[in-house]
Each structure stands twice: as structure tokens, then as C-alpha cells.
PDB file of N, CA and C in Angstrom:
ATOM      1  N   UNK A   1      90.622  29.623  64.021  1.00  0.00           N
ATOM      2  CA  UNK A   1      91.961  29.070  64.060  1.00  0.00           C
ATOM      3  C   UNK A   1      92.415  28.927  65.518  1.00  0.00           C
ATOM      4  N   UNK A   2      92.895  27.754  65.824  1.00  0.00           N
ATOM      5  CA  UNK A   2      93.333  27.503  67.190  1.00  0.00           C
ATOM      6  C   UNK A   2      94.726  28.087  67.387  1.00  0.00           C
ATOM      7  N   UNK A   3      94.903  28.747  68.501  1.00  0.00           N
ATOM      8  CA  UNK A   3      96.194  29.343  68.796  1.00  0.00           C
ATOM      9  C   UNK A   3      96.976  28.454  69.748  1.00  0.00           C
ATOM     10  N   UNK A   4      98.235  28.766  69.830  1.00  0.00           N
ATOM     11  CA  UNK A   4      99.130  28.056  70.743  1.00  0.00           C
ATOM     12  C   UNK A   4      98.602  28.153  72.173  1.00  0.00           C
ATOM     13  N   UNK A   5      98.190  29.330  72.584  1.00  0.00           N
ATOM     14  CA  UNK A   5      97.681  29.527  73.949  1.00  0.00           C
ATOM     15  C   UNK A   5      96.434  28.698  74.208  1.00  0.00           C
ATOM     16  N   UNK A   6      95.526  28.665  73.235  1.00  0.00           N
ATOM     17  CA  UNK A   6      94.315  27.855  73.389  1.00  0.00           C
ATOM     18  C   UNK A   6      94.670  26.378  73.502  1.00  0.00           C
ATOM     19  N   UNK A   7      95.616  25.940  72.698  1.00  0.00           N
ATOM     20  CA  UNK A   7      96.047  24.544  72.749  1.00  0.00           C
ATOM     21  C   UNK A   7      96.609  24.199  74.120  1.00  0.00           C
ATOM     22  N   UNK A   8      97.396  25.107  74.665  1.00  0.00           N
ATOM     23  CA  UNK A   8      97.962  24.854  75.991  1.00  0.00           C
ATOM     24  C   UNK A   8      96.879  24.781  77.059  1.00  0.00           C
ATOM     25  N   UNK A   9      95.897  25.667  76.978  1.00  0.00           N
ATOM     26  CA  UNK A   9      94.797  25.640  77.950  1.00  0.00           C
ATOM     27  C   UNK A   9      94.038  24.323  77.868  1.00  0.00           C
ATOM     28  N   UNK A  10      93.786  23.859  76.658  1.00  0.00           N
ATOM     29  CA  UNK A  10      93.092  22.589  76.471  1.00  0.00           C
ATOM     30  C   UNK A  10      93.946  21.441  77.009  1.00  0.00           C
ATOM     31  N   UNK A  11      95.231  21.455  76.688  1.00  0.00           N
ATOM     32  CA  UNK A  11      96.138  20.398  77.154  1.00  0.00           C
ATOM     33  C   UNK A  11      96.202  20.371  78.679  1.00  0.00           C
ATOM     34  N   UNK A  12      96.263  21.537  79.294  1.00  0.00           N
ATOM     35  CA  UNK A  12      96.316  21.602  80.757  1.00  0.00           C
ATOM     36  C   UNK A  12      95.028  21.087  81.384  1.00  0.00           C
ATOM     37  N   UNK A  13      93.901  21.411  80.783  1.00  0.00           N
ATOM     38  CA  UNK A  13      92.622  20.914  81.296  1.00  0.00           C
ATOM     39  C   UNK A  13      92.573  19.395  81.198  1.00  0.00           C
ATOM     40  N   UNK A  14      93.020  18.861  80.070  1.00  0.00           N
ATOM     41  CA  UNK A  14      93.059  17.405  79.897  1.00  0.00           C
ATOM     42  C   UNK A  14      94.023  16.775  80.898  1.00  0.00           C
ATOM     43  N   UNK A  15      95.155  17.432  81.110  1.00  0.00           N
ATOM     44  CA  UNK A  15      96.152  16.908  82.052  1.00  0.00           C
ATOM     45  C   UNK A  15      95.602  16.881  83.472  1.00  0.00           C
ATOM     46  N   UNK A  16      94.925  17.947  83.871  1.00  0.00           N
ATOM     47  CA  UNK A  16      94.323  17.979  85.206  1.00  0.00           C
ATOM     48  C   UNK A  16      93.323  16.837  85.375  1.00  0.00           C
ATOM     49  N   UNK A  17      92.529  16.629  84.354  1.00  0.00           N
ATOM     50  CA  UNK A  17      91.534  15.550  84.401  1.00  0.00           C
ATOM     51  C   UNK A  17      92.233  14.195  84.489  1.00  0.00           C
ATOM     52  N   UNK A  18      93.277  14.013  83.715  1.00  0.00           N
ATOM     53  CA  UNK A  18      94.024  12.748  83.740  1.00  0.00           C
ATOM     54  C   UNK A  18      94.596  12.484  85.122  1.00  0.00           C
ATOM     55  N   UNK A  19      95.183  13.505  85.720  1.00  0.00           N
ATOM     56  CA  UNK A  19      95.771  13.351  87.058  1.00  0.00           C
ATOM     57  C   UNK A  19      94.683  13.042  88.079  1.00  0.00           C
ATOM     58  N   UNK A  20      93.539  13.712  87.976  1.00  0.00           N
ATOM     59  CA  UNK A  20      92.425  13.424  88.886  1.00  0.00           C
ATOM     60  C   UNK A  20      92.005  11.967  88.766  1.00  0.00           C
ATOM     61  N   UNK A  21      91.795  11.518  87.541  1.00  0.00           N
ATOM     62  CA  UNK A  21      91.368  10.139  87.314  1.00  0.00           C
ATOM     63  C   UNK A  21      92.433   9.151  87.780  1.00  0.00           C
ATOM     64  N   UNK A  22      93.674   9.486  87.519  1.00  0.00           N
ATOM     65  CA  UNK A  22      94.798   8.639  87.915  1.00  0.00           C
ATOM     66  C   UNK A  22      94.881   8.541  89.436  1.00  0.00           C
ATOM     67  N   UNK A  23      94.705   9.663  90.114  1.00  0.00           N
ATOM     68  CA  UNK A  23      94.787   9.708  91.578  1.00  0.00           C
ATOM     69  C   UNK A  23      93.654   8.912  92.218  1.00  0.00           C
ATOM     70  N   UNK A  24      92.463   9.065  91.677  1.00  0.00           N
ATOM     71  CA  UNK A  24      91.312   8.338  92.207  1.00  0.00           C
ATOM     72  C   UNK A  24      91.499   6.839  91.999  1.00  0.00           C
ATOM     73  N   UNK A  25      92.001   6.473  90.839  1.00  0.00           N
ATOM     74  CA  UNK A  25      92.298   5.074  90.547  1.00  0.00           C
ATOM     75  C   UNK A  25      91.108   4.209  90.211  1.00  0.00           C
ATOM     76  N   UNK A  26      89.927   4.775  90.144  1.00  0.00           N
ATOM     77  CA  UNK A  26      88.723   3.988  89.889  1.00  0.00           C
ATOM     78  C   UNK A  26      88.597   3.559  88.424  1.00  0.00           C
ATOM     79  N   UNK A  27      89.150   4.352  87.522  1.00  0.00           N
ATOM     80  CA  UNK A  27      89.018   4.054  86.092  1.00  0.00           C
ATOM     81  C   UNK A  27      90.337   4.348  85.387  1.00  0.00           C
ATOM     82  N   UNK A  28      91.292   3.417  85.482  1.00  0.00           N
ATOM     83  CA  UNK A  28      92.610   3.637  84.876  1.00  0.00           C
ATOM     84  C   UNK A  28      92.549   3.882  83.366  1.00  0.00           C
ATOM     85  N   UNK A  29      91.614   3.216  82.690  1.00  0.00           N
ATOM     86  CA  UNK A  29      91.516   3.422  81.240  1.00  0.00           C
ATOM     87  C   UNK A  29      91.110   4.852  80.922  1.00  0.00           C
ATOM     88  N   UNK A  30      90.232   5.420  81.729  1.00  0.00           N
ATOM     89  CA  UNK A  30      89.837   6.819  81.527  1.00  0.00           C
ATOM     90  C   UNK A  30      91.033   7.741  81.751  1.00  0.00           C
ATOM     91  N   UNK A  31      91.874   7.429  82.729  1.00  0.00           N
ATOM     92  CA  UNK A  31      93.083   8.229  82.967  1.00  0.00           C
ATOM     93  C   UNK A  31      94.021   8.126  81.772  1.00  0.00           C
ATOM     94  N   UNK A  32      94.209   6.922  81.264  1.00  0.00           N
ATOM     95  CA  UNK A  32      95.066   6.728  80.084  1.00  0.00           C
ATOM     96  C   UNK A  32      94.530   7.535  78.914  1.00  0.00           C
ATOM     97  N   UNK A  33      93.223   7.463  78.694  1.00  0.00           N
ATOM     98  CA  UNK A  33      92.609   8.209  77.586  1.00  0.00           C
ATOM     99  C   UNK A  33      92.798   9.717  77.752  1.00  0.00           C
ATOM    100  N   UNK A  34      92.662  10.210  78.978  1.00  0.00           N
ATOM    101  CA  UNK A  34      92.844  11.647  79.226  1.00  0.00           C
ATOM    102  C   UNK A  34      94.309  12.043  79.012  1.00  0.00           C
ATOM    103  N   UNK A  35      95.247  11.206  79.456  1.00  0.00           N
ATOM    104  CA  UNK A  35      96.662  11.488  79.188  1.00  0.00           C
ATOM    105  C   UNK A  35      96.914  11.514  77.670  1.00  0.00           C
ATOM    106  N   UNK A  36      96.312  10.577  76.952  1.00  0.00           N
ATOM    107  CA  UNK A  36      96.486  10.544  75.491  1.00  0.00           C
ATOM    108  C   UNK A  36      95.966  11.823  74.842  1.00  0.00           C
ATOM    109  N   UNK A  37      94.788  12.273  75.278  1.00  0.00           N
ATOM    110  CA  UNK A  37      94.233  13.519  74.710  1.00  0.00           C
ATOM    111  C   UNK A  37      95.157  14.699  75.008  1.00  0.00           C
ATOM    112  N   UNK A  38      95.682  14.746  76.213  1.00  0.00           N
ATOM    113  CA  UNK A  38      96.594  15.826  76.580  1.00  0.00           C
ATOM    114  C   UNK A  38      97.853  15.787  75.712  1.00  0.00           C
ATOM    115  N   UNK A  39      98.393  14.609  75.502  1.00  0.00           N
ATOM    116  CA  UNK A  39      99.584  14.456  74.662  1.00  0.00           C
ATOM    117  C   UNK A  39      99.303  14.920  73.238  1.00  0.00           C
ATOM    118  N   UNK A  40      98.143  14.558  72.719  1.00  0.00           N
ATOM    119  CA  UNK A  40      97.785  14.961  71.358  1.00  0.00           C
ATOM    120  C   UNK A  40      97.736  16.483  71.236  1.00  0.00           C
ATOM    121  N   UNK A  41      97.110  17.133  72.211  1.00  0.00           N
ATOM    122  CA  UNK A  41      97.011  18.596  72.172  1.00  0.00           C
ATOM    123  C   UNK A  41      98.393  19.233  72.379  1.00  0.00           C
ATOM    124  N   UNK A  42      99.200  18.661  73.273  1.00  0.00           N
ATOM    125  CA  UNK A  42     100.563  19.175  73.476  1.00  0.00           C
ATOM    126  C   UNK A  42     101.377  19.088  72.188  1.00  0.00           C
ATOM    127  N   UNK A  43     101.251  17.971  71.487  1.00  0.00           N
ATOM    128  CA  UNK A  43     101.960  17.827  70.207  1.00  0.00           C
ATOM    129  C   UNK A  43     101.546  18.948  69.254  1.00  0.00           C
ATOM    130  N   UNK A  44     100.254  19.241  69.222  1.00  0.00           N
ATOM    131  CA  UNK A  44      99.762  20.320  68.361  1.00  0.00           C
ATOM    132  C   UNK A  44     100.345  21.663  68.750  1.00  0.00           C
ATOM    133  N   UNK A  45     100.411  21.932  70.048  1.00  0.00           N
ATOM    134  CA  UNK A  45     100.963  23.205  70.523  1.00  0.00           C
ATOM    135  C   UNK A  45     102.457  23.295  70.183  1.00  0.00           C
ATOM    136  N   UNK A  46     103.169  22.196  70.365  1.00  0.00           N
ATOM    137  CA  UNK A  46     104.598  22.180  70.041  1.00  0.00           C
ATOM    138  C   UNK A  46     104.794  22.436  68.546  1.00  0.00           C
ATOM    139  N   UNK A  47     103.991  21.777  67.736  1.00  0.00           N
ATOM    140  CA  UNK A  47     104.087  21.967  66.282  1.00  0.00           C
ATOM    141  C   UNK A  47     103.794  23.410  65.902  1.00  0.00           C
ATOM    142  N   UNK A  48     102.756  23.996  66.522  1.00  0.00           N
ATOM    143  CA  UNK A  48     102.428  25.400  66.230  1.00  0.00           C
ATOM    144  C   UNK A  48     103.594  26.321  66.584  1.00  0.00           C
ATOM    145  N   UNK A  49     104.185  26.087  67.744  1.00  0.00           N
ATOM    146  CA  UNK A  49     105.314  26.925  68.168  1.00  0.00           C
ATOM    147  C   UNK A  49     106.491  26.777  67.214  1.00  0.00           C
ATOM    148  N   UNK A  50     106.795  25.546  66.837  1.00  0.00           N
ATOM    149  CA  UNK A  50     107.921  25.309  65.933  1.00  0.00           C
ATOM    150  C   UNK A  50     107.667  25.913  64.559  1.00  0.00           C
ATOM    151  N   UNK A  51     106.428  25.798  64.080  1.00  0.00           N
ATOM    152  CA  UNK A  51     106.063  26.374  62.784  1.00  0.00           C
ATOM    153  C   UNK A  51     106.165  27.893  62.827  1.00  0.00           C
ATOM    154  N   UNK A  52     105.642  28.486  63.890  1.00  0.00           N
ATOM    155  CA  UNK A  52     105.702  29.940  64.035  1.00  0.00           C
ATOM    156  C   UNK A  52     107.151  30.405  64.070  1.00  0.00           C
ATOM    157  N   UNK A  53     107.976  29.668  64.798  1.00  0.00           N
ATOM    158  CA  UNK A  53     109.388  30.013  64.916  1.00  0.00           C
ATOM    159  C   UNK A  53     110.066  29.922  63.556  1.00  0.00           C
ATOM    160  N   UNK A  54     109.718  28.892  62.782  1.00  0.00           N
ATOM    161  CA  UNK A  54     110.300  28.711  61.457  1.00  0.00           C
ATOM    162  C   UNK A  54     109.852  29.819  60.513  1.00  0.00           C
ATOM    163  N   UNK A  55     108.562  30.157  60.549  1.00  0.00           N
ATOM    164  CA  UNK A  55     108.026  31.183  59.647  1.00  0.00           C
ATOM    165  C   UNK A  55     108.563  32.571  59.963  1.00  0.00           C
ATOM    166  N   UNK A  56     108.698  32.875  61.230  1.00  0.00           N
ATOM    167  CA  UNK A  56     109.147  34.217  61.607  1.00  0.00           C
ATOM    168  C   UNK A  56     110.664  34.319  61.659  1.00  0.00           C
ATOM    169  N   UNK A  57     111.315  33.171  61.723  1.00  0.00           N
ATOM    170  CA  UNK A  57     112.765  33.186  61.835  1.00  0.00           C
ATOM    171  C   UNK A  57     113.240  33.616  63.207  1.00  0.00           C
ATOM    172  N   UNK A  58     112.287  33.759  64.117  1.00  0.00           N
ATOM    173  CA  UNK A  58     112.639  34.209  65.463  1.00  0.00           C
ATOM    174  C   UNK A  58     112.768  32.996  66.367  1.00  0.00           C
ATOM    175  N   UNK A  59     113.874  32.905  67.027  1.00  0.00           N
ATOM    176  CA  UNK A  59     114.069  31.830  67.977  1.00  0.00           C
ATOM    177  C   UNK A  59     114.720  32.392  69.222  1.00  0.00           C
ATOM    178  N   UNK A  60     113.916  32.752  70.178  1.00  0.00           N
ATOM    179  CA  UNK A  60     114.501  33.312  71.390  1.00  0.00           C
ATOM    180  C   UNK A  60     114.641  32.241  72.463  1.00  0.00           C
ATOM    181  N   UNK A  61     115.361  32.571  73.492  1.00  0.00           N
ATOM    182  CA  UNK A  61     115.636  31.614  74.568  1.00  0.00           C
ATOM    183  C   UNK A  61     114.363  31.225  75.302  1.00  0.00           C
ATOM    184  N   UNK A  62     113.451  32.174  75.463  1.00  0.00           N
ATOM    185  CA  UNK A  62     112.204  31.891  76.169  1.00  0.00           C
ATOM    186  C   UNK A  62     111.381  30.841  75.422  1.00  0.00           C
ATOM    187  N   UNK A  63     111.273  30.992  74.107  1.00  0.00           N
ATOM    188  CA  UNK A  63     110.527  30.019  73.298  1.00  0.00           C
ATOM    189  C   UNK A  63     111.199  28.656  73.347  1.00  0.00           C
ATOM    190  N   UNK A  64     112.526  28.648  73.270  1.00  0.00           N
ATOM    191  CA  UNK A  64     113.261  27.386  73.339  1.00  0.00           C
ATOM    192  C   UNK A  64     113.010  26.708  74.676  1.00  0.00           C
ATOM    193  N   UNK A  65     112.983  27.486  75.738  1.00  0.00           N
ATOM    194  CA  UNK A  65     112.717  26.946  77.074  1.00  0.00           C
ATOM    195  C   UNK A  65     111.300  26.375  77.138  1.00  0.00           C
ATOM    196  N   UNK A  66     110.327  27.114  76.591  1.00  0.00           N
ATOM    197  CA  UNK A  66     108.941  26.645  76.585  1.00  0.00           C
ATOM    198  C   UNK A  66     108.817  25.341  75.809  1.00  0.00           C
ATOM    199  N   UNK A  67     109.466  25.272  74.651  1.00  0.00           N
ATOM    200  CA  UNK A  67     109.432  24.041  73.864  1.00  0.00           C
ATOM    201  C   UNK A  67     110.042  22.881  74.636  1.00  0.00           C
ATOM    202  N   UNK A  68     111.130  23.141  75.323  1.00  0.00           N
ATOM    203  CA  UNK A  68     111.782  22.105  76.120  1.00  0.00           C
ATOM    204  C   UNK A  68     110.840  21.612  77.224  1.00  0.00           C
ATOM    205  N   UNK A  69     110.199  22.549  77.938  1.00  0.00           N
ATOM    206  CA  UNK A  69     109.295  22.184  79.026  1.00  0.00           C
ATOM    207  C   UNK A  69     108.083  21.401  78.495  1.00  0.00           C
ATOM    208  N   UNK A  70     107.537  21.842  77.374  1.00  0.00           N
ATOM    209  CA  UNK A  70     106.401  21.126  76.785  1.00  0.00           C
ATOM    210  C   UNK A  70     106.806  19.706  76.395  1.00  0.00           C
ATOM    211  N   UNK A  71     108.003  19.574  75.852  1.00  0.00           N
ATOM    212  CA  UNK A  71     108.511  18.252  75.499  1.00  0.00           C
ATOM    213  C   UNK A  71     108.670  17.363  76.726  1.00  0.00           C
ATOM    214  N   UNK A  72     109.140  17.941  77.817  1.00  0.00           N
ATOM    215  CA  UNK A  72     109.298  17.177  79.059  1.00  0.00           C
ATOM    216  C   UNK A  72     107.945  16.730  79.614  1.00  0.00           C
ATOM    217  N   UNK A  73     106.959  17.621  79.566  1.00  0.00           N
ATOM    218  CA  UNK A  73     105.615  17.270  80.033  1.00  0.00           C
ATOM    219  C   UNK A  73     105.050  16.149  79.161  1.00  0.00           C
ATOM    220  N   UNK A  74     105.185  16.293  77.868  1.00  0.00           N
ATOM    221  CA  UNK A  74     104.747  15.269  76.913  1.00  0.00           C
ATOM    222  C   UNK A  74     105.355  13.919  77.279  1.00  0.00           C
ATOM    223  N   UNK A  75     106.654  13.907  77.497  1.00  0.00           N
ATOM    224  CA  UNK A  75     107.354  12.657  77.806  1.00  0.00           C
ATOM    225  C   UNK A  75     106.909  12.063  79.140  1.00  0.00           C
ATOM    226  N   UNK A  76     106.661  12.914  80.137  1.00  0.00           N
ATOM    227  CA  UNK A  76     106.189  12.420  81.439  1.00  0.00           C
ATOM    228  C   UNK A  76     104.821  11.756  81.313  1.00  0.00           C
ATOM    229  N   UNK A  77     103.931  12.354  80.529  1.00  0.00           N
ATOM    230  CA  UNK A  77     102.606  11.765  80.337  1.00  0.00           C
ATOM    231  C   UNK A  77     102.712  10.450  79.578  1.00  0.00           C
ATOM    232  N   UNK A  78     103.594  10.417  78.602  1.00  0.00           N
ATOM    233  CA  UNK A  78     103.816   9.182  77.853  1.00  0.00           C
ATOM    234  C   UNK A  78     104.349   8.090  78.777  1.00  0.00           C
ATOM    235  N   UNK A  79     105.287   8.454  79.644  1.00  0.00           N
ATOM    236  CA  UNK A  79     105.823   7.499  80.629  1.00  0.00           C
ATOM    237  C   UNK A  79     104.724   7.007  81.569  1.00  0.00           C
ATOM    238  N   UNK A  80     103.846   7.909  81.986  1.00  0.00           N
ATOM    239  CA  UNK A  80     102.776   7.517  82.905  1.00  0.00           C
ATOM    240  C   UNK A  80     101.816   6.545  82.220  1.00  0.00           C
ATOM    241  N   UNK A  81     101.513   6.789  80.950  1.00  0.00           N
ATOM    242  CA  UNK A  81     100.666   5.857  80.204  1.00  0.00           C
ATOM    243  C   UNK A  81     101.331   4.484  80.180  1.00  0.00           C
ATOM    244  N   UNK A  82     102.630   4.453  79.888  1.00  0.00           N
ATOM    245  CA  UNK A  82     103.362   3.187  79.848  1.00  0.00           C
ATOM    246  C   UNK A  82     103.294   2.480  81.207  1.00  0.00           C
ATOM    247  N   UNK A  83     103.511   3.226  82.283  1.00  0.00           N
ATOM    248  CA  UNK A  83     103.463   2.646  83.625  1.00  0.00           C
ATOM    249  C   UNK A  83     102.084   2.075  83.931  1.00  0.00           C
ATOM    250  N   UNK A  84     101.043   2.848  83.647  1.00  0.00           N
ATOM    251  CA  UNK A  84      99.685   2.369  83.898  1.00  0.00           C
ATOM    252  C   UNK A  84      99.391   1.108  83.092  1.00  0.00           C
ATOM    253  N   UNK A  85      99.796   1.096  81.839  1.00  0.00           N
ATOM    254  CA  UNK A  85      99.560  -0.071  80.996  1.00  0.00           C
ATOM    255  C   UNK A  85     100.333  -1.286  81.515  1.00  0.00           C
ATOM    256  N   UNK A  86     101.570  -1.073  81.922  1.00  0.00           N
ATOM    257  CA  UNK A  86     102.382  -2.171  82.459  1.00  0.00           C
ATOM    258  C   UNK A  86     101.755  -2.747  83.727  1.00  0.00           C
ATOM    259  N   UNK A  87     101.381  -1.874  84.662  1.00  0.00           N
ATOM    260  CA  UNK A  87     100.817  -2.310  85.941  1.00  0.00           C
ATOM    261  C   UNK A  87      99.487  -3.039  85.740  1.00  0.00           C
ATOM    262  N   UNK A  88      98.697  -2.546  84.815  1.00  0.00           N
ATOM    263  CA  UNK A  88      97.365  -3.106  84.607  1.00  0.00           C
ATOM    264  C   UNK A  88      97.334  -4.221  83.571  1.00  0.00           C
ATOM    265  N   UNK A  89      98.479  -4.483  82.937  1.00  0.00           N
ATOM    266  CA  UNK A  89      98.535  -5.517  81.924  1.00  0.00           C
ATOM    267  C   UNK A  89      97.778  -5.155  80.657  1.00  0.00           C
ATOM    268  N   UNK A  90      97.719  -3.859  80.376  1.00  0.00           N
ATOM    269  CA  UNK A  90      97.039  -3.383  79.171  1.00  0.00           C
ATOM    270  C   UNK A  90      98.044  -3.151  78.056  1.00  0.00           C
ATOM    271  N   UNK A  91      97.606  -3.335  76.814  1.00  0.00           N
ATOM    272  CA  UNK A  91      98.518  -3.016  75.712  1.00  0.00           C
ATOM    273  C   UNK A  91      98.709  -1.505  75.615  1.00  0.00           C
ATOM    274  N   UNK A  92      99.883  -1.096  75.159  1.00  0.00           N
ATOM    275  CA  UNK A  92     100.114   0.333  74.949  1.00  0.00           C
ATOM    276  C   UNK A  92      99.222   0.821  73.830  1.00  0.00           C
ATOM    277  N   UNK A  93      98.562   1.946  74.022  1.00  0.00           N
ATOM    278  CA  UNK A  93      97.723   2.489  72.953  1.00  0.00           C
ATOM    279  C   UNK A  93      98.593   2.990  71.809  1.00  0.00           C
ATOM    280  N   UNK A  94      98.029   2.956  70.629  1.00  0.00           N
ATOM    281  CA  UNK A  94      98.739   3.490  69.468  1.00  0.00           C
ATOM    282  C   UNK A  94      98.901   4.982  69.630  1.00  0.00           C
ATOM    283  N   UNK A  95      99.992   5.495  69.111  1.00  0.00           N
ATOM    284  CA  UNK A  95     100.239   6.928  69.245  1.00  0.00           C
ATOM    285  C   UNK A  95      99.956   7.618  67.988  1.00  0.00           C
TER     286      UNK A  95
END
């Protein structure tokens, strides 16, 4: 069973790879794909956190802050995909 922490580690690894590819600029499609993978894993981590919070009935400020930050990271990666697609004249990938 994948845990929230494992999901975050995977998402961060994907994000680092996306940023590397994006910075190099040699393969924009690979950067877009890496951002997409990171977003997918982030969504999973967010869902796990929300489910855990719902099941336990515990909602502390720290968890709320983490969820907010994860949502912001998700949105930034989504924005970057949009920017890359716009600049390169590529269609937006399905989400």
C-alpha cells in the first residue's frame, strides 16, 4: 500500500526531473510529461490526506497547511504545462 509520504517522495522526484528537463530546454515534451506525472502523484497524495482526515475526523492546522501547499504546487505545475504548451504551440494534454 502506497503511503502519503511515499507519494510525496515520488512526486518530488518527478518534479525535480521536470524542472531539470524544463531548464535544459532540449525536450519540452519530456518536461511536460514529467510535470504531468508529478501532478498525477500529487493528486494521489492530496486524496490520501483528505481521505485519512475524513476517516479519522482529525483536521489539524498543520495538515490543512500541507494540503494548501500541495494544492499550490499542483497548480504551479499545471500553469507551467499550460505555458510550455502555449509557447510551443502544443495542445494541452488531457488531465
